[in-house]
């Protein structure tokens, strides 16, 4: 699997200084983050990197006691498919 790094307001996959995948978020309340964008390079397509990025941000939200507002359509679909993410979904 790929190495996912944390940026200031993102998690990303980088290779030779090039970002190949990224999920971005911003603080949208005292205990909320809004996940607004996910992108995966064609170089990583089919490797479930997008899913890994979502899992990483879910783990981050749990560690930091945050709820997620999923604005990104890919992240919205992941929440719909995975009932186990319900605990971090902002109501």
PDB file of N, CA and C in Angstrom:
ATOM      1  N   UNK A   1       0.846  -1.194   0.000  1.00  0.00           N
ATOM      2  CA  UNK A   1       0.000   0.000   0.000  1.00  0.00           C
ATOM      3  C   UNK A   1       0.885   1.248   0.000  1.00  0.00           C
ATOM      4  N   UNK A   2       0.300   2.351  -0.319  1.00  0.00           N
ATOM      5  CA  UNK A   2       1.033   3.607  -0.415  1.00  0.00           C
ATOM      6  C   UNK A   2       1.213   4.254   0.954  1.00  0.00           C
ATOM      7  N   UNK A   3       2.202   5.131   1.042  1.00  0.00           N
ATOM      8  CA  UNK A   3       2.479   5.872   2.268  1.00  0.00           C
ATOM      9  C   UNK A   3       1.675   7.171   2.245  1.00  0.00           C
ATOM     10  N   UNK A   4       0.757   7.325   3.186  1.00  0.00           N
ATOM     11  CA  UNK A   4      -0.084   8.522   3.251  1.00  0.00           C
ATOM     12  C   UNK A   4       0.494   9.466   4.285  1.00  0.00           C
ATOM     13  N   UNK A   5       0.743  10.695   3.874  1.00  0.00           N
ATOM     14  CA  UNK A   5       1.316  11.718   4.747  1.00  0.00           C
ATOM     15  C   UNK A   5       0.249  12.742   5.113  1.00  0.00           C
ATOM     16  N   UNK A   6       0.473  13.432   6.234  1.00  0.00           N
ATOM     17  CA  UNK A   6      -0.460  14.467   6.664  1.00  0.00           C
ATOM     18  C   UNK A   6       0.126  15.835   6.376  1.00  0.00           C
ATOM     19  N   UNK A   7      -0.685  16.663   5.729  1.00  0.00           N
ATOM     20  CA  UNK A   7      -0.333  18.058   5.525  1.00  0.00           C
ATOM     21  C   UNK A   7      -1.101  18.903   6.520  1.00  0.00           C
ATOM     22  N   UNK A   8      -1.055  20.213   6.348  1.00  0.00           N
ATOM     23  CA  UNK A   8      -1.756  21.100   7.276  1.00  0.00           C
ATOM     24  C   UNK A   8      -3.268  20.900   7.233  1.00  0.00           C
ATOM     25  N   UNK A   9      -3.812  20.749   6.046  1.00  0.00           N
ATOM     26  CA  UNK A   9      -5.257  20.528   5.909  1.00  0.00           C
ATOM     27  C   UNK A   9      -5.545  19.478   4.840  1.00  0.00           C
ATOM     28  N   UNK A  10      -4.707  18.457   4.826  1.00  0.00           N
ATOM     29  CA  UNK A  10      -4.881  17.385   3.849  1.00  0.00           C
ATOM     30  C   UNK A  10      -4.120  16.137   4.285  1.00  0.00           C
ATOM     31  N   UNK A  11      -4.459  15.048   3.628  1.00  0.00           N
ATOM     32  CA  UNK A  11      -3.661  13.834   3.664  1.00  0.00           C
ATOM     33  C   UNK A  11      -3.317  13.573   2.206  1.00  0.00           C
ATOM     34  N   UNK A  12      -2.097  13.109   1.953  1.00  0.00           N
ATOM     35  CA  UNK A  12      -1.684  12.979   0.564  1.00  0.00           C
ATOM     36  C   UNK A  12      -0.673  11.868   0.368  1.00  0.00           C
ATOM     37  N   UNK A  13      -0.540  11.470  -0.895  1.00  0.00           N
ATOM     38  CA  UNK A  13       0.460  10.507  -1.335  1.00  0.00           C
ATOM     39  C   UNK A  13       1.387  11.256  -2.269  1.00  0.00           C
ATOM     40  N   UNK A  14       2.672  11.149  -1.990  1.00  0.00           N
ATOM     41  CA  UNK A  14       3.667  11.889  -2.770  1.00  0.00           C
ATOM     42  C   UNK A  14       4.743  10.922  -3.241  1.00  0.00           C
ATOM     43  N   UNK A  15       5.193  11.165  -4.445  1.00  0.00           N
ATOM     44  CA  UNK A  15       6.282  10.358  -4.997  1.00  0.00           C
ATOM     45  C   UNK A  15       7.217  11.285  -5.752  1.00  0.00           C
ATOM     46  N   UNK A  16       8.467  11.305  -5.373  1.00  0.00           N
ATOM     47  CA  UNK A  16       9.476  12.165  -6.007  1.00  0.00           C
ATOM     48  C   UNK A  16       9.025  13.626  -6.040  1.00  0.00           C
ATOM     49  N   UNK A  17       8.438  14.086  -4.953  1.00  0.00           N
ATOM     50  CA  UNK A  17       8.005  15.473  -4.855  1.00  0.00           C
ATOM     51  C   UNK A  17       6.695  15.803  -5.554  1.00  0.00           C
ATOM     52  N   UNK A  18       6.068  14.816  -6.172  1.00  0.00           N
ATOM     53  CA  UNK A  18       4.798  15.037  -6.880  1.00  0.00           C
ATOM     54  C   UNK A  18       3.644  14.437  -6.071  1.00  0.00           C
ATOM     55  N   UNK A  19       2.610  15.244  -5.818  1.00  0.00           N
ATOM     56  CA  UNK A  19       1.420  14.725  -5.141  1.00  0.00           C
ATOM     57  C   UNK A  19       0.623  13.904  -6.141  1.00  0.00           C
ATOM     58  N   UNK A  20       0.431  12.638  -5.797  1.00  0.00           N
ATOM     59  CA  UNK A  20      -0.296  11.735  -6.691  1.00  0.00           C
ATOM     60  C   UNK A  20      -1.726  11.497  -6.224  1.00  0.00           C
ATOM     61  N   UNK A  21      -1.998  11.815  -4.963  1.00  0.00           N
ATOM     62  CA  UNK A  21      -3.352  11.653  -4.423  1.00  0.00           C
ATOM     63  C   UNK A  21      -3.484  12.571  -3.222  1.00  0.00           C
ATOM     64  N   UNK A  22      -4.715  13.078  -3.016  1.00  0.00           N
ATOM     65  CA  UNK A  22      -4.908  13.999  -1.902  1.00  0.00           C
ATOM     66  C   UNK A  22      -6.379  14.068  -1.511  1.00  0.00           C
ATOM     67  N   UNK A  23      -6.611  14.195  -0.212  1.00  0.00           N
ATOM     68  CA  UNK A  23      -7.935  14.475   0.324  1.00  0.00           C
ATOM     69  C   UNK A  23      -7.771  15.730   1.179  1.00  0.00           C
ATOM     70  N   UNK A  24      -8.623  16.727   0.935  1.00  0.00           N
ATOM     71  CA  UNK A  24      -8.472  18.001   1.633  1.00  0.00           C
ATOM     72  C   UNK A  24      -9.668  18.269   2.539  1.00  0.00           C
ATOM     73  N   UNK A  25      -9.399  19.044   3.581  1.00  0.00           N
ATOM     74  CA  UNK A  25     -10.440  19.376   4.553  1.00  0.00           C
ATOM     75  C   UNK A  25     -10.148  20.739   5.159  1.00  0.00           C
ATOM     76  N   UNK A  26     -11.159  21.288   5.811  1.00  0.00           N
ATOM     77  CA  UNK A  26     -10.970  22.526   6.566  1.00  0.00           C
ATOM     78  C   UNK A  26     -11.847  22.485   7.804  1.00  0.00           C
ATOM     79  N   UNK A  27     -11.425  23.196   8.824  1.00  0.00           N
ATOM     80  CA  UNK A  27     -12.176  23.280  10.078  1.00  0.00           C
ATOM     81  C   UNK A  27     -13.436  24.087   9.805  1.00  0.00           C
ATOM     82  N   UNK A  28     -14.595  23.514  10.145  1.00  0.00           N
ATOM     83  CA  UNK A  28     -15.854  24.189   9.834  1.00  0.00           C
ATOM     84  C   UNK A  28     -16.719  24.383  11.078  1.00  0.00           C
ATOM     85  N   UNK A  29     -16.156  24.130  12.227  1.00  0.00           N
ATOM     86  CA  UNK A  29     -16.845  24.298  13.504  1.00  0.00           C
ATOM     87  C   UNK A  29     -15.906  23.887  14.615  1.00  0.00           C
ATOM     88  N   UNK A  30     -16.336  24.060  15.832  1.00  0.00           N
ATOM     89  CA  UNK A  30     -15.473  23.701  16.967  1.00  0.00           C
ATOM     90  C   UNK A  30     -15.049  22.236  16.935  1.00  0.00           C
ATOM     91  N   UNK A  31     -15.965  21.392  16.530  1.00  0.00           N
ATOM     92  CA  UNK A  31     -15.668  19.959  16.508  1.00  0.00           C
ATOM     93  C   UNK A  31     -16.012  19.333  15.158  1.00  0.00           C
ATOM     94  N   UNK A  32     -15.909  20.112  14.089  1.00  0.00           N
ATOM     95  CA  UNK A  32     -16.236  19.619  12.747  1.00  0.00           C
ATOM     96  C   UNK A  32     -15.149  19.982  11.744  1.00  0.00           C
ATOM     97  N   UNK A  33     -14.967  19.079  10.792  1.00  0.00           N
ATOM     98  CA  UNK A  33     -14.169  19.377   9.604  1.00  0.00           C
ATOM     99  C   UNK A  33     -15.034  19.082   8.387  1.00  0.00           C
ATOM    100  N   UNK A  34     -14.838  19.858   7.353  1.00  0.00           N
ATOM    101  CA  UNK A  34     -15.514  19.631   6.076  1.00  0.00           C
ATOM    102  C   UNK A  34     -14.498  19.037   5.114  1.00  0.00           C
ATOM    103  N   UNK A  35     -14.812  17.884   4.563  1.00  0.00           N
ATOM    104  CA  UNK A  35     -13.953  17.242   3.568  1.00  0.00           C
ATOM    105  C   UNK A  35     -14.492  17.656   2.206  1.00  0.00           C
ATOM    106  N   UNK A  36     -13.675  18.434   1.492  1.00  0.00           N
ATOM    107  CA  UNK A  36     -14.188  19.080   0.284  1.00  0.00           C
ATOM    108  C   UNK A  36     -13.623  18.562  -1.036  1.00  0.00           C
ATOM    109  N   UNK A  37     -12.589  17.734  -1.004  1.00  0.00           N
ATOM    110  CA  UNK A  37     -12.012  17.324  -2.288  1.00  0.00           C
ATOM    111  C   UNK A  37     -11.162  16.067  -2.116  1.00  0.00           C
ATOM    112  N   UNK A  38     -11.270  15.174  -3.074  1.00  0.00           N
ATOM    113  CA  UNK A  38     -10.412  13.994  -3.150  1.00  0.00           C
ATOM    114  C   UNK A  38      -9.990  13.837  -4.598  1.00  0.00           C
ATOM    115  N   UNK A  39      -8.708  13.614  -4.803  1.00  0.00           N
ATOM    116  CA  UNK A  39      -8.199  13.403  -6.155  1.00  0.00           C
ATOM    117  C   UNK A  39      -7.126  12.316  -6.108  1.00  0.00           C
ATOM    118  N   UNK A  40      -7.142  11.451  -7.124  1.00  0.00           N
ATOM    119  CA  UNK A  40      -6.149  10.387  -7.243  1.00  0.00           C
ATOM    120  C   UNK A  40      -5.630  10.389  -8.676  1.00  0.00           C
ATOM    121  N   UNK A  41      -4.325  10.442  -8.822  1.00  0.00           N
ATOM    122  CA  UNK A  41      -3.684  10.429 -10.133  1.00  0.00           C
ATOM    123  C   UNK A  41      -3.975   9.120 -10.866  1.00  0.00           C
ATOM    124  N   UNK A  42      -3.979   9.196 -12.171  1.00  0.00           N
ATOM    125  CA  UNK A  42      -4.150   7.991 -12.982  1.00  0.00           C
ATOM    126  C   UNK A  42      -3.084   6.946 -12.655  1.00  0.00           C
ATOM    127  N   UNK A  43      -1.915   7.392 -12.211  1.00  0.00           N
ATOM    128  CA  UNK A  43      -0.822   6.471 -11.864  1.00  0.00           C
ATOM    129  C   UNK A  43      -1.214   5.526 -10.732  1.00  0.00           C
ATOM    130  N   UNK A  44      -2.160   5.953  -9.900  1.00  0.00           N
ATOM    131  CA  UNK A  44      -2.561   5.146  -8.742  1.00  0.00           C
ATOM    132  C   UNK A  44      -3.965   4.565  -8.865  1.00  0.00           C
ATOM    133  N   UNK A  45      -4.620   4.794  -9.972  1.00  0.00           N
ATOM    134  CA  UNK A  45      -5.994   4.305 -10.161  1.00  0.00           C
ATOM    135  C   UNK A  45      -6.034   2.786 -10.007  1.00  0.00           C
ATOM    136  N   UNK A  46      -7.132   2.302  -9.435  1.00  0.00           N
ATOM    137  CA  UNK A  46      -7.332   0.875  -9.276  1.00  0.00           C
ATOM    138  C   UNK A  46      -6.640   0.283  -8.058  1.00  0.00           C
ATOM    139  N   UNK A  47      -5.944   1.107  -7.277  1.00  0.00           N
ATOM    140  CA  UNK A  47      -5.221   0.614  -6.102  1.00  0.00           C
ATOM    141  C   UNK A  47      -5.947   0.943  -4.800  1.00  0.00           C
ATOM    142  N   UNK A  48      -7.172   1.448  -4.910  1.00  0.00           N
ATOM    143  CA  UNK A  48      -7.996   1.806  -3.748  1.00  0.00           C
ATOM    144  C   UNK A  48      -7.354   2.872  -2.864  1.00  0.00           C
ATOM    145  N   UNK A  49      -6.596   3.759  -3.503  1.00  0.00           N
ATOM    146  CA  UNK A  49      -5.939   4.846  -2.774  1.00  0.00           C
ATOM    147  C   UNK A  49      -6.980   5.834  -2.255  1.00  0.00           C
ATOM    148  N   UNK A  50      -8.021   6.091  -3.026  1.00  0.00           N
ATOM    149  CA  UNK A  50      -9.090   6.981  -2.570  1.00  0.00           C
ATOM    150  C   UNK A  50      -9.730   6.448  -1.295  1.00  0.00           C
ATOM    151  N   UNK A  51      -9.985   5.151  -1.267  1.00  0.00           N
ATOM    152  CA  UNK A  51     -10.553   4.526  -0.063  1.00  0.00           C
ATOM    153  C   UNK A  51      -9.597   4.664   1.114  1.00  0.00           C
ATOM    154  N   UNK A  52      -8.307   4.466   0.865  1.00  0.00           N
ATOM    155  CA  UNK A  52      -7.308   4.579   1.929  1.00  0.00           C
ATOM    156  C   UNK A  52      -7.254   6.002   2.479  1.00  0.00           C
ATOM    157  N   UNK A  53      -7.402   6.996   1.603  1.00  0.00           N
ATOM    158  CA  UNK A  53      -7.419   8.389   2.058  1.00  0.00           C
ATOM    159  C   UNK A  53      -8.639   8.658   2.941  1.00  0.00           C
ATOM    160  N   UNK A  54      -9.785   8.118   2.549  1.00  0.00           N
ATOM    161  CA  UNK A  54     -11.000   8.291   3.355  1.00  0.00           C
ATOM    162  C   UNK A  54     -10.813   7.616   4.711  1.00  0.00           C
ATOM    163  N   UNK A  55     -10.267   6.413   4.728  1.00  0.00           N
ATOM    164  CA  UNK A  55     -10.028   5.726   5.993  1.00  0.00           C
ATOM    165  C   UNK A  55      -9.069   6.521   6.880  1.00  0.00           C
ATOM    166  N   UNK A  56      -8.086   7.144   6.274  1.00  0.00           N
ATOM    167  CA  UNK A  56      -7.116   7.945   7.034  1.00  0.00           C
ATOM    168  C   UNK A  56      -7.809   9.139   7.687  1.00  0.00           C
ATOM    169  N   UNK A  57      -8.660   9.831   6.947  1.00  0.00           N
ATOM    170  CA  UNK A  57      -9.325  11.004   7.513  1.00  0.00           C
ATOM    171  C   UNK A  57     -10.387  10.593   8.541  1.00  0.00           C
ATOM    172  N   UNK A  58     -10.985   9.420   8.376  1.00  0.00           N
ATOM    173  CA  UNK A  58     -11.916   8.895   9.375  1.00  0.00           C
ATOM    174  C   UNK A  58     -11.150   8.640  10.683  1.00  0.00           C
ATOM    175  N   UNK A  59      -9.988   8.011  10.581  1.00  0.00           N
ATOM    176  CA  UNK A  59      -9.161   7.758  11.758  1.00  0.00           C
ATOM    177  C   UNK A  59      -8.733   9.046  12.438  1.00  0.00           C
ATOM    178  N   UNK A  60      -8.366  10.030  11.627  1.00  0.00           N
ATOM    179  CA  UNK A  60      -7.984  11.337  12.159  1.00  0.00           C
ATOM    180  C   UNK A  60      -9.146  11.974  12.923  1.00  0.00           C
ATOM    181  N   UNK A  61     -10.332  11.927  12.344  1.00  0.00           N
ATOM    182  CA  UNK A  61     -11.517  12.502  12.991  1.00  0.00           C
ATOM    183  C   UNK A  61     -11.794  11.806  14.327  1.00  0.00           C
ATOM    184  N   UNK A  62     -11.648  10.502  14.343  1.00  0.00           N
ATOM    185  CA  UNK A  62     -11.882   9.760  15.591  1.00  0.00           C
ATOM    186  C   UNK A  62     -10.854  10.139  16.655  1.00  0.00           C
ATOM    187  N   UNK A  63      -9.588  10.209  16.265  1.00  0.00           N
ATOM    188  CA  UNK A  63      -8.520  10.566  17.207  1.00  0.00           C
ATOM    189  C   UNK A  63      -8.715  11.964  17.790  1.00  0.00           C
ATOM    190  N   UNK A  64      -9.189  12.883  16.960  1.00  0.00           N
ATOM    191  CA  UNK A  64      -9.326  14.276  17.365  1.00  0.00           C
ATOM    192  C   UNK A  64     -10.730  14.614  17.862  1.00  0.00           C
ATOM    193  N   UNK A  65     -11.607  13.601  17.960  1.00  0.00           N
ATOM    194  CA  UNK A  65     -13.003  13.801  18.380  1.00  0.00           C
ATOM    195  C   UNK A  65     -13.722  14.833  17.516  1.00  0.00           C
ATOM    196  N   UNK A  66     -13.589  14.658  16.202  1.00  0.00           N
ATOM    197  CA  UNK A  66     -14.208  15.553  15.234  1.00  0.00           C
ATOM    198  C   UNK A  66     -15.305  14.830  14.468  1.00  0.00           C
ATOM    199  N   UNK A  67     -16.248  15.594  13.970  1.00  0.00           N
ATOM    200  CA  UNK A  67     -17.269  15.082  13.062  1.00  0.00           C
ATOM    201  C   UNK A  67     -16.918  15.569  11.659  1.00  0.00           C
ATOM    202  N   UNK A  68     -17.327  14.817  10.667  1.00  0.00           N
ATOM    203  CA  UNK A  68     -17.016  15.132   9.271  1.00  0.00           C
ATOM    204  C   UNK A  68     -18.270  15.569   8.530  1.00  0.00           C
ATOM    205  N   UNK A  69     -18.147  16.679   7.819  1.00  0.00           N
ATOM    206  CA  UNK A  69     -19.168  17.134   6.880  1.00  0.00           C
ATOM    207  C   UNK A  69     -18.631  16.757   5.495  1.00  0.00           C
ATOM    208  N   UNK A  70     -19.182  15.729   4.869  1.00  0.00           N
ATOM    209  CA  UNK A  70     -18.660  15.280   3.577  1.00  0.00           C
ATOM    210  C   UNK A  70     -19.265  16.070   2.412  1.00  0.00           C
ATOM    211  N   UNK A  71     -18.529  17.015   1.885  1.00  0.00           N
ATOM    212  CA  UNK A  71     -18.974  17.799   0.731  1.00  0.00           C
ATOM    213  C   UNK A  71     -18.520  17.110  -0.568  1.00  0.00           C
ATOM    214  N   UNK A  72     -17.370  16.504  -0.528  1.00  0.00           N
ATOM    215  CA  UNK A  72     -16.817  15.783  -1.682  1.00  0.00           C
ATOM    216  C   UNK A  72     -17.721  14.590  -2.018  1.00  0.00           C
ATOM    217  N   UNK A  73     -18.105  14.452  -3.269  1.00  0.00           N
ATOM    218  CA  UNK A  73     -19.031  13.380  -3.673  1.00  0.00           C
ATOM    219  C   UNK A  73     -18.455  11.988  -3.419  1.00  0.00           C
ATOM    220  N   UNK A  74     -17.155  11.819  -3.612  1.00  0.00           N
ATOM    221  CA  UNK A  74     -16.528  10.512  -3.360  1.00  0.00           C
ATOM    222  C   UNK A  74     -16.647  10.152  -1.879  1.00  0.00           C
ATOM    223  N   UNK A  75     -16.390  11.114  -1.008  1.00  0.00           N
ATOM    224  CA  UNK A  75     -16.472  10.876   0.433  1.00  0.00           C
ATOM    225  C   UNK A  75     -17.922  10.616   0.847  1.00  0.00           C
ATOM    226  N   UNK A  76     -18.857  11.342   0.250  1.00  0.00           N
ATOM    227  CA  UNK A  76     -20.274  11.101   0.528  1.00  0.00           C
ATOM    228  C   UNK A  76     -20.641   9.651   0.215  1.00  0.00           C
ATOM    229  N   UNK A  77     -20.165   9.154  -0.932  1.00  0.00           N
ATOM    230  CA  UNK A  77     -20.457   7.772  -1.335  1.00  0.00           C
ATOM    231  C   UNK A  77     -19.843   6.774  -0.367  1.00  0.00           C
ATOM    232  N   UNK A  78     -18.655   7.075   0.149  1.00  0.00           N
ATOM    233  CA  UNK A  78     -18.014   6.180   1.111  1.00  0.00           C
ATOM    234  C   UNK A  78     -18.811   6.112   2.409  1.00  0.00           C
ATOM    235  N   UNK A  79     -19.362   7.243   2.840  1.00  0.00           N
ATOM    236  CA  UNK A  79     -20.209   7.248   4.028  1.00  0.00           C
ATOM    237  C   UNK A  79     -21.478   6.432   3.793  1.00  0.00           C
ATOM    238  N   UNK A  80     -22.037   6.520   2.593  1.00  0.00           N
ATOM    239  CA  UNK A  80     -23.248   5.752   2.272  1.00  0.00           C
ATOM    240  C   UNK A  80     -22.977   4.253   2.260  1.00  0.00           C
ATOM    241  N   UNK A  81     -21.800   3.850   1.796  1.00  0.00           N
ATOM    242  CA  UNK A  81     -21.441   2.438   1.676  1.00  0.00           C
ATOM    243  C   UNK A  81     -20.975   1.813   2.990  1.00  0.00           C
ATOM    244  N   UNK A  82     -20.478   2.632   3.913  1.00  0.00           N
ATOM    245  CA  UNK A  82     -19.819   2.109   5.112  1.00  0.00           C
ATOM    246  C   UNK A  82     -20.505   2.612   6.378  1.00  0.00           C
ATOM    247  N   UNK A  83     -21.391   1.807   6.899  1.00  0.00           N
ATOM    248  CA  UNK A  83     -22.127   2.178   8.119  1.00  0.00           C
ATOM    249  C   UNK A  83     -21.196   2.395   9.303  1.00  0.00           C
ATOM    250  N   UNK A  84     -20.014   1.763   9.279  1.00  0.00           N
ATOM    251  CA  UNK A  84     -19.076   1.910  10.397  1.00  0.00           C
ATOM    252  C   UNK A  84     -18.469   3.311  10.494  1.00  0.00           C
ATOM    253  N   UNK A  85     -18.700   4.155   9.504  1.00  0.00           N
ATOM    254  CA  UNK A  85     -18.224   5.551   9.552  1.00  0.00           C
ATOM    255  C   UNK A  85     -19.242   6.480  10.212  1.00  0.00           C
ATOM    256  N   UNK A  86     -20.421   5.975  10.509  1.00  0.00           N
ATOM    257  CA  UNK A  86     -21.540   6.779  11.018  1.00  0.00           C
ATOM    258  C   UNK A  86     -21.155   7.595  12.257  1.00  0.00           C
ATOM    259  N   UNK A  87     -20.252   7.063  13.088  1.00  0.00           N
ATOM    260  CA  UNK A  87     -19.890   7.751  14.331  1.00  0.00           C
ATOM    261  C   UNK A  87     -19.198   9.088  14.128  1.00  0.00           C
ATOM    262  N   UNK A  88     -18.619   9.305  12.954  1.00  0.00           N
ATOM    263  CA  UNK A  88     -17.922  10.582  12.698  1.00  0.00           C
ATOM    264  C   UNK A  88     -18.677  11.473  11.719  1.00  0.00           C
ATOM    265  N   UNK A  89     -19.849  11.057  11.296  1.00  0.00           N
ATOM    266  CA  UNK A  89     -20.641  11.855  10.363  1.00  0.00           C
ATOM    267  C   UNK A  89     -21.350  12.969  11.117  1.00  0.00           C
ATOM    268  N   UNK A  90     -21.160  14.210  10.689  1.00  0.00           N
ATOM    269  CA  UNK A  90     -21.852  15.349  11.300  1.00  0.00           C
ATOM    270  C   UNK A  90     -23.329  15.243  10.984  1.00  0.00           C
ATOM    271  N   UNK A  91     -24.145  15.507  11.964  1.00  0.00           N
ATOM    272  CA  UNK A  91     -25.608  15.401  11.791  1.00  0.00           C
ATOM    273  C   UNK A  91     -26.197  16.695  11.268  1.00  0.00           C
TER     274      UNK A  91
END
